[in-house]
Amino acid sequence: MNVLLKHLEIILSVAGVIVVFTVSWLFFHAPYARWQAAAITAVAVGLLHGFIFYTVRLRQRQMRQSTIHEMQIVVDDIVRNQMTVVSLSAQLIPSVPGSIQQREWAQRSIEAAHEIGRRLNEIDSERLSDLMRRRPH
């Protein structure tokens, strides 16, 4: 199916040309009638091509928008979870500056930030490779 979608324009164009010449040569024997039939058939084939191309492109656009929406939900969830960790860690700081707990909070905050970056990179590579597999070529 991917091969068909990847080369849809070429396949339909070749099929359209074949249909135009076949209809005009098989069903009409007078020279002027052949060209009229070819013209009418070409217009019909063109309209059919336009409808098919529009439908395929619309579906591709919908899939892209759906994938982007899914990615936004996942990223929002991860960022909110990690930011909750940072927020809770900040609440554990005692009022004494330079304490061991303050250094631990700073370390947890740094680790949470690194985790956010790592997960965003994973999502980018996983979701984009998923998108590339699902995307018609």
C-alpha atoms as a PDB file:
ATOM      1  CA  MET A   1       0.000   0.000   0.000  1.00  0.00           C
ATOM      2  CA  ASN A   2       2.873   2.402   0.780  1.00  0.00           C
ATOM      3  CA  VAL A   3       4.337   1.871  -2.695  1.00  0.00           C
ATOM      4  CA  LEU A   4       0.996   2.777  -4.230  1.00  0.00           C
ATOM      5  CA  LEU A   5       0.706   5.961  -2.162  1.00  0.00           C
ATOM      6  CA  LYS A   6       4.352   6.865  -2.738  1.00  0.00           C
ATOM      7  CA  HIS A   7       3.908   6.830  -6.509  1.00  0.00           C
ATOM      8  CA  LEU A   8       0.195   7.694  -6.649  1.00  0.00           C
ATOM      9  CA  GLU A   9       0.570  10.680  -8.977  1.00  0.00           C
ATOM     10  CA  ILE A  10       2.607   8.739 -11.543  1.00  0.00           C
ATOM     11  CA  ILE A  11       0.393   5.653 -11.405  1.00  0.00           C
ATOM     12  CA  LEU A  12      -2.817   7.646 -11.830  1.00  0.00           C
ATOM     13  CA  SER A  13      -1.344   9.783 -14.602  1.00  0.00           C
ATOM     14  CA  VAL A  14      -0.239   6.744 -16.604  1.00  0.00           C
ATOM     15  CA  ALA A  15      -3.584   5.046 -15.998  1.00  0.00           C
ATOM     16  CA  GLY A  16      -5.397   8.220 -17.093  1.00  0.00           C
ATOM     17  CA  VAL A  17      -3.461   8.459 -20.352  1.00  0.00           C
ATOM     18  CA  ILE A  18      -4.128   4.785 -21.056  1.00  0.00           C
ATOM     19  CA  VAL A  19      -7.852   5.245 -20.376  1.00  0.00           C
ATOM     20  CA  VAL A  20      -8.057   8.336 -22.616  1.00  0.00           C
ATOM     21  CA  PHE A  21      -6.406   6.617 -25.585  1.00  0.00           C
ATOM     22  CA  THR A  22      -8.178   3.298 -25.041  1.00  0.00           C
ATOM     23  CA  VAL A  23     -11.640   4.854 -24.930  1.00  0.00           C
ATOM     24  CA  SER A  24     -11.055   7.006 -27.981  1.00  0.00           C
ATOM     25  CA  TRP A  25      -9.513   4.235 -30.106  1.00  0.00           C
ATOM     26  CA  LEU A  26     -11.794   1.364 -29.100  1.00  0.00           C
ATOM     27  CA  PHE A  27     -15.191   3.025 -29.171  1.00  0.00           C
ATOM     28  CA  PHE A  28     -14.911   5.762 -31.801  1.00  0.00           C
ATOM     29  CA  HIS A  29     -13.786   5.228 -35.383  1.00  0.00           C
ATOM     30  CA  ALA A  30     -14.347   8.612 -36.993  1.00  0.00           C
ATOM     31  CA  PRO A  31     -11.216  10.799 -36.577  1.00  0.00           C
ATOM     32  CA  TYR A  32     -13.022  13.874 -35.207  1.00  0.00           C
ATOM     33  CA  ALA A  33     -15.099  11.697 -32.836  1.00  0.00           C
ATOM     34  CA  ARG A  34     -11.909  10.142 -31.443  1.00  0.00           C
ATOM     35  CA  TRP A  35     -10.507  13.538 -30.470  1.00  0.00           C
ATOM     36  CA  GLN A  36     -13.791  14.655 -28.957  1.00  0.00           C
ATOM     37  CA  ALA A  37     -14.018  11.434 -26.975  1.00  0.00           C
ATOM     38  CA  ALA A  38     -10.393  11.813 -25.901  1.00  0.00           C
ATOM     39  CA  ALA A  39     -11.033  15.374 -24.725  1.00  0.00           C
ATOM     40  CA  ILE A  40     -14.169  14.456 -22.792  1.00  0.00           C
ATOM     41  CA  THR A  41     -12.479  11.414 -21.271  1.00  0.00           C
ATOM     42  CA  ALA A  42      -9.424  13.506 -20.321  1.00  0.00           C
ATOM     43  CA  VAL A  43     -11.624  16.009 -18.501  1.00  0.00           C
ATOM     44  CA  ALA A  44     -13.385  13.194 -16.618  1.00  0.00           C
ATOM     45  CA  VAL A  45     -10.065  11.569 -15.734  1.00  0.00           C
ATOM     46  CA  GLY A  46      -8.696  14.940 -14.584  1.00  0.00           C
ATOM     47  CA  LEU A  47     -11.671  15.497 -12.293  1.00  0.00           C
ATOM     48  CA  LEU A  48     -11.305  12.002 -10.867  1.00  0.00           C
ATOM     49  CA  HIS A  49      -7.564  12.568 -10.297  1.00  0.00           C
ATOM     50  CA  GLY A  50      -8.258  15.846  -8.535  1.00  0.00           C
ATOM     51  CA  PHE A  51     -10.765  14.223  -6.201  1.00  0.00           C
ATOM     52  CA  ILE A  52      -8.407  11.339  -5.397  1.00  0.00           C
ATOM     53  CA  PHE A  53      -5.432  13.657  -4.771  1.00  0.00           C
ATOM     54  CA  TYR A  54      -7.524  15.925  -2.563  1.00  0.00           C
ATOM     55  CA  THR A  55      -8.792  12.980  -0.500  1.00  0.00           C
ATOM     56  CA  VAL A  56      -5.327  11.467  -0.030  1.00  0.00           C
ATOM     57  CA  ARG A  57      -3.727  14.793   0.922  1.00  0.00           C
ATOM     58  CA  LEU A  58      -6.570  15.572   3.328  1.00  0.00           C
ATOM     59  CA  ARG A  59      -6.038  12.234   5.076  1.00  0.00           C
ATOM     60  CA  GLN A  60      -2.279  12.840   5.292  1.00  0.00           C
ATOM     61  CA  ARG A  61      -2.870  16.290   6.790  1.00  0.00           C
ATOM     62  CA  GLN A  62      -5.266  14.825   9.365  1.00  0.00           C
ATOM     63  CA  MET A  63      -2.717  12.155  10.343  1.00  0.00           C
ATOM     64  CA  ARG A  64       0.011  14.795  10.780  1.00  0.00           C
ATOM     65  CA  GLN A  65      -2.242  16.961  12.933  1.00  0.00           C
ATOM     66  CA  SER A  66      -3.260  13.966  15.037  1.00  0.00           C
ATOM     67  CA  THR A  67       0.370  12.969  15.566  1.00  0.00           C
ATOM     68  CA  ILE A  68       1.348  16.503  16.533  1.00  0.00           C
ATOM     69  CA  HIS A  69      -1.537  16.633  19.002  1.00  0.00           C
ATOM     70  CA  GLU A  70      -0.451  13.308  20.555  1.00  0.00           C
ATOM     71  CA  MET A  71       3.104  14.602  20.858  1.00  0.00           C
ATOM     72  CA  GLN A  72       1.898  17.772  22.565  1.00  0.00           C
ATOM     73  CA  ILE A  73      -0.062  15.758  25.131  1.00  0.00           C
ATOM     74  CA  VAL A  74       2.918  13.508  25.924  1.00  0.00           C
ATOM     75  CA  VAL A  75       5.352  16.434  26.184  1.00  0.00           C
ATOM     76  CA  ASP A  76       2.964  18.415  28.392  1.00  0.00           C
ATOM     77  CA  ASP A  77       2.553  15.432  30.717  1.00  0.00           C
ATOM     78  CA  ILE A  78       6.289  14.841  31.030  1.00  0.00           C
ATOM     79  CA  VAL A  79       7.077  18.500  31.609  1.00  0.00           C
ATOM     80  CA  ARG A  80       4.328  18.825  34.233  1.00  0.00           C
ATOM     81  CA  ASN A  81       5.521  15.705  36.069  1.00  0.00           C
ATOM     82  CA  GLN A  82       9.136  16.842  36.130  1.00  0.00           C
ATOM     83  CA  MET A  83       8.191  20.359  37.137  1.00  0.00           C
ATOM     84  CA  THR A  84       6.200  18.893  40.048  1.00  0.00           C
ATOM     85  CA  VAL A  85       9.373  17.143  41.181  1.00  0.00           C
ATOM     86  CA  VAL A  86      11.261  20.436  41.043  1.00  0.00           C
ATOM     87  CA  SER A  87       8.477  22.233  42.896  1.00  0.00           C
ATOM     88  CA  LEU A  88       8.261  19.617  45.654  1.00  0.00           C
ATOM     89  CA  SER A  89      12.024  19.596  46.012  1.00  0.00           C
ATOM     90  CA  ALA A  90      12.023  23.367  46.394  1.00  0.00           C
ATOM     91  CA  GLN A  91       9.535  23.127  49.229  1.00  0.00           C
ATOM     92  CA  LEU A  92      11.911  20.893  51.175  1.00  0.00           C
ATOM     93  CA  ILE A  93      14.611  23.560  51.461  1.00  0.00           C
ATOM     94  CA  PRO A  94      15.168  24.670  55.021  1.00  0.00           C
ATOM     95  CA  SER A  95      15.558  28.355  55.688  1.00  0.00           C
ATOM     96  CA  VAL A  96      19.267  27.961  56.566  1.00  0.00           C
ATOM     97  CA  PRO A  97      21.355  28.944  53.499  1.00  0.00           C
ATOM     98  CA  GLY A  98      24.100  26.634  52.293  1.00  0.00           C
ATOM     99  CA  SER A  99      22.789  23.588  54.109  1.00  0.00           C
ATOM    100  CA  ILE A 100      23.211  20.007  52.944  1.00  0.00           C
ATOM    101  CA  GLN A 101      19.494  19.823  52.150  1.00  0.00           C
ATOM    102  CA  GLN A 102      19.801  22.884  49.951  1.00  0.00           C
ATOM    103  CA  ARG A 103      22.601  21.241  47.993  1.00  0.00           C
ATOM    104  CA  GLU A 104      20.493  18.087  47.696  1.00  0.00           C
ATOM    105  CA  TRP A 105      17.602  20.174  46.400  1.00  0.00           C
ATOM    106  CA  ALA A 106      19.877  21.788  43.855  1.00  0.00           C
ATOM    107  CA  GLN A 107      21.098  18.341  42.764  1.00  0.00           C
ATOM    108  CA  ARG A 108      17.530  17.014  42.444  1.00  0.00           C
ATOM    109  CA  SER A 109      16.567  20.104  40.434  1.00  0.00           C
ATOM    110  CA  ILE A 110      19.483  19.576  38.081  1.00  0.00           C
ATOM    111  CA  GLU A 111      18.645  15.890  37.685  1.00  0.00           C
ATOM    112  CA  ALA A 112      14.995  16.764  36.967  1.00  0.00           C
ATOM    113  CA  ALA A 113      16.073  19.234  34.296  1.00  0.00           C
ATOM    114  CA  HIS A 114      18.344  16.609  32.726  1.00  0.00           C
ATOM    115  CA  GLU A 115      15.478  14.122  32.826  1.00  0.00           C
ATOM    116  CA  ILE A 116      13.218  16.599  31.016  1.00  0.00           C
ATOM    117  CA  GLY A 117      15.815  17.033  28.291  1.00  0.00           C
ATOM    118  CA  ARG A 118      16.444  13.294  27.979  1.00  0.00           C
ATOM    119  CA  ARG A 119      12.752  12.483  27.715  1.00  0.00           C
ATOM    120  CA  LEU A 120      12.129  15.219  25.178  1.00  0.00           C
ATOM    121  CA  ASN A 121      14.931  13.785  23.035  1.00  0.00           C
ATOM    122  CA  GLU A 122      13.454  10.282  23.347  1.00  0.00           C
ATOM    123  CA  ILE A 123      10.011  11.523  22.385  1.00  0.00           C
ATOM    124  CA  ASP A 124      11.385  13.419  19.406  1.00  0.00           C
ATOM    125  CA  SER A 125      13.242  10.428  18.020  1.00  0.00           C
ATOM    126  CA  GLU A 126      10.576   7.816  18.855  1.00  0.00           C
ATOM    127  CA  ARG A 127       7.586   9.820  17.670  1.00  0.00           C
ATOM    128  CA  LEU A 128       9.318  11.083  14.551  1.00  0.00           C
ATOM    129  CA  SER A 129      10.399   7.568  13.585  1.00  0.00           C
ATOM    130  CA  ASP A 130       6.819   6.423  14.274  1.00  0.00           C
ATOM    131  CA  LEU A 131       5.542   9.249  12.110  1.00  0.00           C
ATOM    132  CA  MET A 132       7.936   8.327   9.319  1.00  0.00           C
ATOM    133  CA  ARG A 133       6.767   4.689   9.424  1.00  0.00           C
ATOM    134  CA  ARG A 134       3.076   5.673   9.358  1.00  0.00           C
ATOM    135  CA  ARG A 135       3.515   8.426   6.755  1.00  0.00           C
ATOM    136  CA  PRO A 136       2.711   7.447   3.195  1.00  0.00           C
ATOM    137  CA  HIS A 137       5.763   8.076   1.021  1.00  0.00           C
END
